[in-house]
PDB file of N, CA and C in Angstrom:
ATOM      1  N   MET A   1      94.787  98.599 103.600  1.00  0.00           N
ATOM      2  CA  MET A   1      93.430  98.137 103.716  1.00  0.00           C
ATOM      3  C   MET A   1      92.738  98.857 104.875  1.00  0.00           C
ATOM      4  N   PHE A   2      93.504  99.140 105.925  1.00  0.00           N
ATOM      5  CA  PHE A   2      92.939  99.843 107.083  1.00  0.00           C
ATOM      6  C   PHE A   2      92.497 101.245 106.691  1.00  0.00           C
ATOM      7  N   LEU A   3      93.289 101.907 105.861  1.00  0.00           N
ATOM      8  CA  LEU A   3      92.948 103.260 105.415  1.00  0.00           C
ATOM      9  C   LEU A   3      91.668 103.258 104.583  1.00  0.00           C
ATOM     10  N   ALA A   4      91.456 102.224 103.802  1.00  0.00           N
ATOM     11  CA  ALA A   4      90.238 102.120 102.995  1.00  0.00           C
ATOM     12  C   ALA A   4      89.003 102.019 103.881  1.00  0.00           C
ATOM     13  N   VAL A   5      89.102 101.249 104.948  1.00  0.00           N
ATOM     14  CA  VAL A   5      87.970 101.107 105.868  1.00  0.00           C
ATOM     15  C   VAL A   5      87.698 102.430 106.569  1.00  0.00           C
ATOM     16  N   ILE A   6      88.742 103.122 106.975  1.00  0.00           N
ATOM     17  CA  ILE A   6      88.573 104.421 107.637  1.00  0.00           C
ATOM     18  C   ILE A   6      87.949 105.426 106.682  1.00  0.00           C
ATOM     19  N   LEU A   7      88.400 105.466 105.435  1.00  0.00           N
ATOM     20  CA  LEU A   7      87.818 106.389 104.449  1.00  0.00           C
ATOM     21  C   LEU A   7      86.339 106.096 104.224  1.00  0.00           C
ATOM     22  N   ALA A   8      85.996 104.832 104.071  1.00  0.00           N
ATOM     23  CA  ALA A   8      84.599 104.470 103.862  1.00  0.00           C
ATOM     24  C   ALA A   8      83.755 104.831 105.082  1.00  0.00           C
ATOM     25  N   PHE A   9      84.276 104.595 106.278  1.00  0.00           N
ATOM     26  CA  PHE A   9      83.556 104.913 107.505  1.00  0.00           C
ATOM     27  C   PHE A   9      83.329 106.419 107.624  1.00  0.00           C
ATOM     28  N   LEU A  10      84.342 107.216 107.289  1.00  0.00           N
ATOM     29  CA  LEU A  10      84.192 108.666 107.355  1.00  0.00           C
ATOM     30  C   LEU A  10      83.207 109.184 106.310  1.00  0.00           C
ATOM     31  N   MET A  11      83.115 108.505 105.178  1.00  0.00           N
ATOM     32  CA  MET A  11      82.123 108.899 104.173  1.00  0.00           C
ATOM     33  C   MET A  11      80.709 108.565 104.644  1.00  0.00           C
ATOM     34  N   VAL A  12      80.550 107.444 105.325  1.00  0.00           N
ATOM     35  CA  VAL A  12      79.228 107.067 105.835  1.00  0.00           C
ATOM     36  C   VAL A  12      78.777 108.047 106.915  1.00  0.00           C
ATOM     37  N   LEU A  13      79.716 108.483 107.749  1.00  0.00           N
ATOM     38  CA  LEU A  13      79.387 109.431 108.810  1.00  0.00           C
ATOM     39  C   LEU A  13      79.253 110.864 108.305  1.00  0.00           C
ATOM     40  N   LYS A  14      79.484 111.075 107.016  1.00  0.00           N
ATOM     41  CA  LYS A  14      79.419 112.392 106.378  1.00  0.00           C
ATOM     42  C   LYS A  14      80.490 113.351 106.901  1.00  0.00           C
ATOM     43  N   VAL A  15      81.577 112.813 107.467  1.00  0.00           N
ATOM     44  CA  VAL A  15      82.721 113.647 107.846  1.00  0.00           C
ATOM     45  C   VAL A  15      83.452 114.068 106.579  1.00  0.00           C
ATOM     46  N   LEU A  16      83.616 113.125 105.663  1.00  0.00           N
ATOM     47  CA  LEU A  16      84.141 113.414 104.322  1.00  0.00           C
ATOM     48  C   LEU A  16      82.976 113.355 103.345  1.00  0.00           C
ATOM     49  N   GLU A  17      82.949 114.288 102.424  1.00  0.00           N
ATOM     50  CA  GLU A  17      81.876 114.298 101.436  1.00  0.00           C
ATOM     51  C   GLU A  17      82.065 113.128 100.469  1.00  0.00           C
ATOM     52  N   PRO A  18      81.077 112.236 100.376  1.00  0.00           N
ATOM     53  CA  PRO A  18      81.216 111.092  99.458  1.00  0.00           C
ATOM     54  C   PRO A  18      81.297 111.568  98.007  1.00  0.00           C
ATOM     55  N   SER A  19      82.262 111.039  97.297  1.00  0.00           N
ATOM     56  CA  SER A  19      82.408 111.357  95.882  1.00  0.00           C
ATOM     57  C   SER A  19      82.861 110.098  95.144  1.00  0.00           C
ATOM     58  N   LEU A  20      82.762 110.151  93.850  1.00  0.00           N
ATOM     59  CA  LEU A  20      83.161 109.005  93.047  1.00  0.00           C
ATOM     60  C   LEU A  20      84.655 108.732  93.194  1.00  0.00           C
ATOM     61  N   GLY A  21      85.446 109.771  93.177  1.00  0.00           N
ATOM     62  CA  GLY A  21      86.895 109.608  93.294  1.00  0.00           C
ATOM     63  C   GLY A  21      87.308 109.039  94.630  1.00  0.00           C
ATOM     64  N   LEU A  22      86.697 109.533  95.707  1.00  0.00           N
ATOM     65  CA  LEU A  22      87.033 109.036  97.038  1.00  0.00           C
ATOM     66  C   LEU A  22      86.555 107.599  97.229  1.00  0.00           C
ATOM     67  N   GLY A  23      85.396 107.285  96.686  1.00  0.00           N
ATOM     68  CA  GLY A  23      84.908 105.912  96.747  1.00  0.00           C
ATOM     69  C   GLY A  23      85.800 104.967  95.958  1.00  0.00           C
ATOM     70  N   PHE A  24      86.253 105.407  94.790  1.00  0.00           N
ATOM     71  CA  PHE A  24      87.142 104.584  93.978  1.00  0.00           C
ATOM     72  C   PHE A  24      88.489 104.406  94.666  1.00  0.00           C
ATOM     73  N   LEU A  25      88.985 105.463  95.311  1.00  0.00           N
ATOM     74  CA  LEU A  25      90.248 105.366  96.047  1.00  0.00           C
ATOM     75  C   LEU A  25      90.119 104.374  97.197  1.00  0.00           C
ATOM     76  N   SER A  26      89.022 104.438  97.913  1.00  0.00           N
ATOM     77  CA  SER A  26      88.788 103.516  99.018  1.00  0.00           C
ATOM     78  C   SER A  26      88.713 102.071  98.516  1.00  0.00           C
ATOM     79  N   PHE A  27      88.003 101.858  97.418  1.00  0.00           N
ATOM     80  CA  PHE A  27      87.901 100.517  96.840  1.00  0.00           C
ATOM     81  C   PHE A  27      89.267 100.014  96.376  1.00  0.00           C
ATOM     82  N   THR A  28      90.042 100.879  95.734  1.00  0.00           N
ATOM     83  CA  THR A  28      91.358 100.490  95.236  1.00  0.00           C
ATOM     84  C   THR A  28      92.291 100.124  96.387  1.00  0.00           C
ATOM     85  N   LEU A  29      92.268 100.913  97.450  1.00  0.00           N
ATOM     86  CA  LEU A  29      93.099 100.599  98.614  1.00  0.00           C
ATOM     87  C   LEU A  29      92.673  99.289  99.267  1.00  0.00           C
ATOM     88  N   SER A  30      91.381  99.028  99.296  1.00  0.00           N
ATOM     89  CA  SER A  30      90.884  97.790  99.885  1.00  0.00           C
ATOM     90  C   SER A  30      91.311  96.577  99.067  1.00  0.00           C
ATOM     91  N   VAL A  31      91.167  96.648  97.771  1.00  0.00           N
ATOM     92  CA  VAL A  31      91.576  95.537  96.902  1.00  0.00           C
ATOM     93  C   VAL A  31      93.090  95.358  96.947  1.00  0.00           C
ATOM     94  N   GLY A  32      93.820  96.463  96.981  1.00  0.00           N
ATOM     95  CA  GLY A  32      95.277  96.378  97.081  1.00  0.00           C
ATOM     96  C   GLY A  32      95.724  95.705  98.366  1.00  0.00           C
ATOM     97  N   GLY A  33      95.052  96.029  99.464  1.00  0.00           N
ATOM     98  CA  GLY A  33      95.370  95.386 100.737  1.00  0.00           C
ATOM     99  C   GLY A  33      95.049  93.906 100.722  1.00  0.00           C
ATOM    100  N   LEU A  34      93.946  93.556 100.078  1.00  0.00           N
ATOM    101  CA  LEU A  34      93.575  92.149  99.966  1.00  0.00           C
ATOM    102  C   LEU A  34      94.611  91.378  99.146  1.00  0.00           C
ATOM    103  N   ILE A  35      95.031  91.952  98.042  1.00  0.00           N
ATOM    104  CA  ILE A  35      96.028  91.291  97.192  1.00  0.00           C
ATOM    105  C   ILE A  35      97.365  91.179  97.924  1.00  0.00           C
ATOM    106  N   ALA A  36      97.768  92.239  98.622  1.00  0.00           N
ATOM    107  CA  ALA A  36      99.026  92.190  99.372  1.00  0.00           C
ATOM    108  C   ALA A  36      98.961  91.128 100.467  1.00  0.00           C
ATOM    109  N   GLY A  37      97.833  91.002 101.127  1.00  0.00           N
ATOM    110  CA  GLY A  37      97.673  89.979 102.155  1.00  0.00           C
ATOM    111  C   GLY A  37      97.714  88.573 101.585  1.00  0.00           C
ATOM    112  N   LEU A  38      97.084  88.386 100.435  1.00  0.00           N
ATOM    113  CA  LEU A  38      97.114  87.066  99.796  1.00  0.00           C
ATOM    114  C   LEU A  38      98.521  86.691  99.350  1.00  0.00           C
ATOM    115  N   ILE A  39      99.246  87.648  98.787  1.00  0.00           N
ATOM    116  CA  ILE A  39     100.624  87.379  98.369  1.00  0.00           C
ATOM    117  C   ILE A  39     101.481  87.041  99.574  1.00  0.00           C
ATOM    118  N   GLY A  40     101.285  87.787 100.666  1.00  0.00           N
ATOM    119  CA  GLY A  40     102.042  87.494 101.881  1.00  0.00           C
ATOM    120  C   GLY A  40     101.725  86.128 102.442  1.00  0.00           C
ATOM    121  N   ALA A  41     100.450  85.761 102.466  1.00  0.00           N
ATOM    122  CA  ALA A  41     100.063  84.449 102.988  1.00  0.00           C
ATOM    123  C   ALA A  41     100.574  83.330 102.093  1.00  0.00           C
ATOM    124  N   LEU A  42     100.487  83.510 100.787  1.00  0.00           N
ATOM    125  CA  LEU A  42     100.964  82.464  99.873  1.00  0.00           C
ATOM    126  C   LEU A  42     102.474  82.297  99.939  1.00  0.00           C
ATOM    127  N   SER A  43     103.199  83.388 100.097  1.00  0.00           N
ATOM    128  CA  SER A  43     104.650  83.267 100.185  1.00  0.00           C
ATOM    129  C   SER A  43     105.068  82.667 101.526  1.00  0.00           C
ATOM    130  N   TYR A  44     104.263  82.841 102.547  1.00  0.00           N
ATOM    131  CA  TYR A  44     104.564  82.259 103.853  1.00  0.00           C
ATOM    132  C   TYR A  44     104.352  80.750 103.845  1.00  0.00           C
ATOM    133  N   PHE A  45     103.315  80.284 103.171  1.00  0.00           N
ATOM    134  CA  PHE A  45     102.970  78.865 103.166  1.00  0.00           C
ATOM    135  C   PHE A  45     103.537  78.113 101.965  1.00  0.00           C
ATOM    136  N   ARG A  46     104.242  78.778 101.070  1.00  0.00           N
ATOM    137  CA  ARG A  46     104.783  78.117  99.894  1.00  0.00           C
ATOM    138  C   ARG A  46     105.932  77.202 100.289  1.00  0.00           C
ATOM    139  N   PRO A  47     105.939  75.991  99.770  1.00  0.00           N
ATOM    140  CA  PRO A  47     107.060  75.087 100.089  1.00  0.00           C
ATOM    141  C   PRO A  47     108.364  75.625  99.505  1.00  0.00           C
ATOM    142  N   SER A  48     109.447  75.385 100.194  1.00  0.00           N
ATOM    143  CA  SER A  48     110.739  75.950  99.781  1.00  0.00           C
ATOM    144  C   SER A  48     111.379  75.166  98.644  1.00  0.00           C
ATOM    145  N   GLY A  49     111.011  73.943  98.438  1.00  0.00           N
ATOM    146  CA  GLY A  49     111.590  73.155  97.363  1.00  0.00           C
ATOM    147  C   GLY A  49     111.204  71.701  97.493  1.00  0.00           C
ATOM    148  N   ARG A  50     111.639  70.907  96.549  1.00  0.00           N
ATOM    149  CA  ARG A  50     111.316  69.480  96.564  1.00  0.00           C
ATOM    150  C   ARG A  50     112.475  68.737  97.213  1.00  0.00           C
ATOM    151  N   ASP A  51     112.179  67.952  98.200  1.00  0.00           N
ATOM    152  CA  ASP A  51     113.193  67.151  98.883  1.00  0.00           C
ATOM    153  C   ASP A  51     113.176  65.726  98.344  1.00  0.00           C
ATOM    154  N   GLY A  52     114.343  65.210  98.024  1.00  0.00           N
ATOM    155  CA  GLY A  52     114.464  63.832  97.577  1.00  0.00           C
ATOM    156  C   GLY A  52     113.932  63.580  96.189  1.00  0.00           C
ATOM    157  N   ASP A  53     113.878  64.610  95.372  1.00  0.00           N
ATOM    158  CA  ASP A  53     113.346  64.452  94.015  1.00  0.00           C
ATOM    159  C   ASP A  53     114.523  64.450  93.039  1.00  0.00           C
ATOM    160  N   GLY A  54     114.905  63.303  92.570  1.00  0.00           N
ATOM    161  CA  GLY A  54     115.951  63.205  91.572  1.00  0.00           C
ATOM    162  C   GLY A  54     117.256  63.065  92.167  1.00  0.00           C
TER     163      GLY A  54
END
């Protein structure tokens, strides 16, 4: 996700030439980072099992 922000920032500053492919790559990396973070947070807070059930 950090790389996506850096790519977008460099495109805004015109250090990298903005293109459709680079914009799509930046978006894909950003969404991938968001999904990875959500999976990590959900697995951290997920209960380990049911206690006293049955």
